[in-house]
N, C-alpha and C. Protein backbone atom coordinates (compact mmCIF):
# COMPACT_ATOMS: atom_id res chain seq x y z
N UNK A 1 -3.61 19.16 32.42
CA UNK A 1 -3.42 18.08 30.54
C UNK A 1 -2.14 18.17 29.52
N UNK A 2 -2.21 17.79 29.07
CA UNK A 2 -1.44 17.73 27.44
C UNK A 2 -1.99 17.33 26.42
N UNK A 3 -1.88 17.87 25.85
CA UNK A 3 -2.56 17.74 24.06
C UNK A 3 -1.21 16.79 23.04
N UNK A 4 -1.42 16.02 22.39
CA UNK A 4 -0.77 15.36 21.13
C UNK A 4 -1.04 15.60 20.05
N UNK A 5 -0.69 16.41 19.37
CA UNK A 5 -1.47 16.69 17.47
C UNK A 5 -0.23 16.06 17.14
N UNK A 6 -1.24 15.38 15.52
CA UNK A 6 -0.84 15.01 14.84
C UNK A 6 -1.35 14.79 13.03
N UNK A 7 -1.11 15.76 12.34
CA UNK A 7 -1.37 15.97 11.27
C UNK A 7 -1.40 14.45 9.96
N UNK A 8 -2.20 14.64 9.28
CA UNK A 8 -2.38 13.39 8.17
C UNK A 8 -2.86 14.81 6.93
N UNK A 9 -1.99 13.80 5.92
CA UNK A 9 -2.39 14.35 4.39
C UNK A 9 -3.01 13.32 3.31
N UNK A 10 -4.26 13.14 2.73
CA UNK A 10 -4.62 12.25 2.02
C UNK A 10 -6.07 12.67 1.28
N UNK A 11 -6.57 11.64 0.32
CA UNK A 11 -7.63 11.70 -0.33
C UNK A 11 -8.66 12.12 0.36
N UNK A 12 -9.51 13.02 0.29
CA UNK A 12 -10.60 13.56 1.29
C UNK A 12 -11.89 12.36 0.79
N UNK A 13 -11.63 11.58 0.23
CA UNK A 13 -12.78 10.72 -0.17
C UNK A 13 -12.77 9.38 0.42
N UNK A 14 -11.38 9.43 1.57
CA UNK A 14 -11.08 8.40 2.06
C UNK A 14 -11.44 8.44 3.69
N UNK A 15 -11.78 10.04 4.05
CA UNK A 15 -11.63 10.64 4.47
C UNK A 15 -12.57 9.87 6.05
N UNK A 16 -13.52 9.50 5.79
CA UNK A 16 -14.83 8.62 6.69
C UNK A 16 -14.44 6.96 6.44
N UNK A 17 -13.61 6.39 5.79
CA UNK A 17 -13.26 5.19 6.15
C UNK A 17 -11.88 4.94 6.87
N UNK A 18 -11.37 6.20 6.92
CA UNK A 18 -10.03 6.39 8.36
C UNK A 18 -10.91 6.96 9.28
N UNK A 19 -11.97 7.51 9.65
CA UNK A 19 -12.31 7.41 10.58
C UNK A 19 -12.90 6.51 11.35
N UNK A 20 -14.12 6.01 10.23
CA UNK A 20 -14.27 4.56 11.07
C UNK A 20 -12.61 3.32 11.24
N UNK A 21 -11.70 3.63 10.71
CA UNK A 21 -10.94 2.46 11.44
C UNK A 21 -10.52 2.95 12.53
N UNK A 22 -9.77 4.02 13.17
CA UNK A 22 -9.86 5.59 13.72
C UNK A 22 -10.44 4.45 15.15
N UNK A 23 -12.23 4.23 14.90
CA UNK A 23 -12.74 4.15 16.06
C UNK A 23 -12.92 3.12 16.42
N UNK A 24 -12.37 1.96 15.48
CA UNK A 24 -12.07 0.46 15.49
C UNK A 24 -11.35 0.24 16.44
N UNK A 25 -9.88 0.86 15.40
CA UNK A 25 -8.98 0.08 16.32
C UNK A 25 -7.57 0.86 16.65
N UNK A 26 -7.75 2.03 16.74
CA UNK A 26 -6.88 3.16 17.53
C UNK A 26 -7.75 3.89 18.47
N UNK A 27 -9.17 3.85 18.65
CA UNK A 27 -10.08 4.44 19.89
C UNK A 27 -9.64 3.78 20.76
N UNK A 28 -9.74 2.15 20.88
CA UNK A 28 -9.94 1.18 21.97
C UNK A 28 -8.53 0.94 22.28
N UNK A 29 -7.01 1.28 21.99
CA UNK A 29 -6.04 1.26 22.49
C UNK A 29 -5.92 2.06 23.12
N UNK A 30 -5.79 3.52 22.38
CA UNK A 30 -6.04 4.67 23.53
C UNK A 30 -6.52 4.75 24.17
N UNK A 31 -7.90 3.58 24.52
CA UNK A 31 -8.48 4.12 26.11
C UNK A 31 -7.77 3.15 26.42
N UNK A 32 -7.49 2.54 26.62
CA UNK A 32 -6.48 1.12 27.53
C UNK A 32 -5.14 2.17 27.46
N UNK A 33 -5.12 3.51 26.83
CA UNK A 33 -2.85 3.69 27.02
C UNK A 33 -3.44 4.26 28.42
N UNK A 34 -2.66 4.51 29.35
CA UNK A 34 -2.40 4.82 30.79
C UNK A 34 -2.71 6.81 30.77
N UNK A 35 -3.55 7.54 31.40
CA UNK A 35 -3.55 8.64 31.22
C UNK A 35 -4.48 9.30 29.96
N UNK A 36 -4.84 8.97 29.10
CA UNK A 36 -5.96 8.73 27.95
C UNK A 36 -7.26 9.71 28.69
N UNK A 37 -7.94 11.22 27.98
CA UNK A 37 -8.56 11.51 28.34
C UNK A 37 -9.78 11.87 27.44
N UNK A 38 -9.13 11.52 26.13
CA UNK A 38 -9.74 12.26 24.94
C UNK A 38 -9.52 12.26 23.90
N UNK A 39 -10.13 12.40 22.85
CA UNK A 39 -9.64 13.32 21.10
C UNK A 39 -10.80 14.34 20.44
N UNK A 40 -10.25 14.97 19.65
CA UNK A 40 -10.92 15.21 18.88
C UNK A 40 -9.96 15.43 17.45
N UNK A 41 -11.09 15.09 16.32
CA UNK A 41 -10.36 15.04 15.03
C UNK A 41 -10.92 16.35 13.97
N UNK A 42 -10.01 17.17 13.22
CA UNK A 42 -9.98 18.38 12.72
C UNK A 42 -10.12 18.16 11.38
N UNK A 43 -10.98 18.01 10.31
CA UNK A 43 -10.61 17.64 8.89
C UNK A 43 -10.76 18.94 8.19
N UNK A 44 -10.01 19.25 7.40
CA UNK A 44 -9.83 20.14 6.50
C UNK A 44 -10.32 19.44 4.63
N UNK A 45 -11.57 19.43 4.18
CA UNK A 45 -11.85 18.52 2.76
C UNK A 45 -11.26 18.99 2.13
N UNK A 46 -11.55 20.28 1.67
CA UNK A 46 -11.13 20.79 0.57
C UNK A 46 -9.35 20.49 0.00
N UNK A 47 -8.37 20.50 1.59
CA UNK A 47 -7.04 20.43 1.53
C UNK A 47 -6.40 19.15 1.73
N UNK A 48 -7.04 18.46 1.83
CA UNK A 48 -7.19 16.78 1.49
C UNK A 48 -6.02 17.25 3.38
N UNK A 49 -6.28 17.73 4.55
CA UNK A 49 -5.53 17.30 5.69
C UNK A 49 -6.49 16.69 7.00
N UNK A 50 -5.82 16.75 7.61
CA UNK A 50 -6.54 16.11 9.26
C UNK A 50 -5.89 16.35 10.08
N UNK A 51 -6.56 16.51 11.45
CA UNK A 51 -5.46 16.98 12.47
C UNK A 51 -5.89 16.05 13.87
N UNK A 52 -5.38 15.54 14.29
CA UNK A 52 -6.00 14.41 15.34
C UNK A 52 -5.06 15.33 16.75
N UNK A 53 -5.78 15.15 17.55
CA UNK A 53 -5.76 16.04 18.91
C UNK A 53 -5.81 14.98 19.92
N UNK A 54 -5.09 14.37 20.70
CA UNK A 54 -5.72 13.61 22.27
C UNK A 54 -4.83 14.08 23.24
N UNK A 55 -5.67 13.84 24.03
CA UNK A 55 -5.79 14.60 25.39
C UNK A 55 -5.02 13.58 26.71
N UNK A 56 -4.21 13.55 27.38
CA UNK A 56 -3.40 13.41 28.06
C UNK A 56 -3.28 13.81 29.82
N UNK A 57 -3.19 13.06 30.72
CA UNK A 57 -2.96 14.06 31.71
C UNK A 57 -1.42 13.80 32.37
N UNK A 58 -0.63 14.08 31.90
CA UNK A 58 0.41 14.29 31.63
C UNK A 58 1.72 13.91 29.92
N UNK A 59 2.21 15.04 30.54
CA UNK A 59 3.54 14.63 29.54
C UNK A 59 3.78 13.47 29.61
N UNK A 60 4.36 12.74 30.28
CA UNK A 60 4.50 11.39 30.12
C UNK A 60 4.05 10.29 29.14
N UNK A 61 2.38 10.37 30.02
CA UNK A 61 2.21 9.68 29.09
C UNK A 61 1.07 9.87 27.64
N UNK A 62 1.93 11.20 27.46
CA UNK A 62 1.94 11.17 26.03
C UNK A 62 2.63 11.03 25.43
N UNK A 63 3.84 10.89 26.23
CA UNK A 63 5.04 10.62 25.18
C UNK A 63 5.53 9.34 25.30
N UNK A 64 4.16 8.63 25.94
CA UNK A 64 4.57 7.34 25.52
C UNK A 64 3.57 6.88 24.95
N UNK A 65 2.26 7.26 24.44
CA UNK A 65 1.75 7.20 23.25
C UNK A 65 2.02 7.29 22.43
N UNK A 66 3.24 7.91 22.09
CA UNK A 66 3.80 8.32 21.01
C UNK A 66 5.22 8.35 20.71
N UNK A 67 5.09 6.79 21.44
CA UNK A 67 5.98 5.95 21.21
C UNK A 67 6.08 4.84 20.17
N UNK A 68 6.89 3.66 19.76
CA UNK A 68 6.81 2.89 19.38
C UNK A 68 5.46 2.17 18.59
N UNK A 69 4.46 2.06 20.21
CA UNK A 69 3.46 1.30 19.90
C UNK A 69 2.03 2.30 19.64
N UNK A 70 2.08 3.63 19.98
CA UNK A 70 1.87 5.01 19.08
C UNK A 70 1.70 5.16 17.97
N UNK A 71 3.18 5.17 17.29
CA UNK A 71 3.29 5.65 16.03
C UNK A 71 2.81 4.42 14.89
N UNK A 72 3.33 2.95 15.17
CA UNK A 72 3.03 1.95 14.45
C UNK A 72 1.62 1.91 13.97
N UNK A 73 0.66 2.32 15.26
CA UNK A 73 -0.69 1.93 15.18
C UNK A 73 -1.37 3.20 14.13
N UNK A 74 -0.51 4.60 14.44
CA UNK A 74 -1.15 5.89 13.95
C UNK A 74 -0.31 5.61 12.27
N UNK A 75 0.46 4.64 12.06
CA UNK A 75 1.04 4.79 10.29
C UNK A 75 0.25 3.63 9.87
N UNK A 76 -0.16 2.51 10.69
CA UNK A 76 -0.74 1.38 10.35
C UNK A 76 -2.47 2.11 9.46
N UNK A 77 -2.88 2.54 10.51
CA UNK A 77 -4.63 3.42 9.89
C UNK A 77 -4.05 4.40 8.62
N UNK A 78 -3.01 5.22 8.44
CA UNK A 78 -2.78 5.87 7.82
C UNK A 78 -2.68 5.25 6.07
N UNK A 79 -1.31 4.41 6.38
CA UNK A 79 -1.50 2.86 5.07
C UNK A 79 -2.55 2.60 4.42
N UNK A 80 -3.23 2.12 5.32
CA UNK A 80 -4.71 1.59 5.14
C UNK A 80 -5.55 2.58 4.47
N UNK A 81 -5.31 3.49 4.35
CA UNK A 81 -6.84 5.01 3.99
C UNK A 81 -6.02 5.87 2.62
N UNK A 82 -4.48 5.14 2.63
CA UNK A 82 -3.84 6.00 1.96
C UNK A 82 -3.45 7.49 2.01
N UNK A 83 -3.40 7.91 3.61
CA UNK A 83 -3.17 8.82 4.02
C UNK A 83 -1.21 8.78 4.40
N UNK A 84 -0.60 10.14 4.41
CA UNK A 84 0.74 10.00 4.73
C UNK A 84 0.96 11.13 6.40
N UNK A 85 1.13 10.56 7.58
CA UNK A 85 1.19 11.06 8.17
C UNK A 85 2.29 12.02 8.84
N UNK A 86 1.95 13.29 8.74
CA UNK A 86 3.29 14.31 9.24
C UNK A 86 3.97 13.89 10.98
N UNK A 87 3.54 15.37 11.54
CA UNK A 87 4.28 15.56 12.65
C UNK A 87 3.59 15.21 13.62
N UNK A 88 4.35 14.70 14.63
CA UNK A 88 3.74 14.59 16.20
C UNK A 88 4.22 15.50 17.16
N UNK A 89 3.42 16.04 17.66
CA UNK A 89 4.14 17.78 18.56
C UNK A 89 2.98 17.37 19.92
N UNK A 90 3.79 17.89 20.92
CA UNK A 90 3.02 17.52 22.65
C UNK A 90 3.24 18.68 22.56
N UNK A 91 1.82 19.39 23.49
CA UNK A 91 1.71 20.67 24.22
C UNK A 91 0.96 20.88 25.73
N UNK A 92 1.53 21.51 26.42
CA UNK A 92 0.61 21.99 27.45
C UNK A 92 -0.86 23.08 27.22
N UNK A 93 -1.97 22.30 27.53
CA UNK A 93 -3.09 22.78 27.44
C UNK A 93 -2.98 23.61 28.66
N UNK A 94 -3.29 24.98 28.02
CA UNK A 94 -3.16 26.02 29.14
C UNK A 94 -4.34 26.91 29.56
N UNK A 95 -5.31 26.20 28.72
CA UNK A 95 -6.83 27.17 28.69
C UNK A 95 -7.84 26.46 27.19
N UNK A 96 -9.23 26.07 28.19
CA UNK A 96 -10.35 25.39 27.76
C UNK A 96 -12.07 25.96 28.01
N UNK A 97 -12.01 26.63 26.89
CA UNK A 97 -13.44 26.82 26.57
C UNK A 97 -14.44 26.21 26.29
N UNK A 98 -15.20 25.53 26.92
CA UNK A 98 -15.98 23.74 26.97
C UNK A 98 -16.84 24.85 25.22
N UNK A 99 -17.43 24.02 24.21
CA UNK A 99 -18.63 24.76 23.84
C UNK A 99 -19.42 23.43 23.47
N UNK A 100 -20.76 23.87 23.48
CA UNK A 100 -21.96 22.58 22.96
C UNK A 100 -21.41 22.45 21.47
N UNK A 101 -21.05 20.90 21.26
CA UNK A 101 -21.02 20.97 19.53
C UNK A 101 -22.53 19.30 19.53
N UNK A 102 -23.01 19.30 17.97
CA UNK A 102 -23.59 18.42 18.19
C UNK A 102 -22.72 17.16 17.29
N UNK A 103 -22.68 15.91 18.65
CA UNK A 103 -22.13 14.83 18.36
C UNK A 103 -22.30 13.93 16.95
N UNK A 104 -21.02 14.11 16.46
CA UNK A 104 -21.83 13.40 15.04
C UNK A 104 -21.23 11.50 14.83
């Protein structure tokens, strides 16, 4: 399994709006993408940063989603809420420990 990590910076007061747009526009696109297996969103409100991690069955699937279509939709969401999209990197998932987290 592989993880694609993208960083964002922008106003903390627009984080909830960005999350709503992500769920409405990006998540359906991801669910249709070949090899998509899930996502995690991490938010650092005091420093106005966010990090998304999407999980993929293969490096090829993660790279395909990073291509023109994936970049365009991420940039569109970032622009809609006034954030800047930073780097996108792909890592092999080497270990996982499952935690019981309350869904938000």
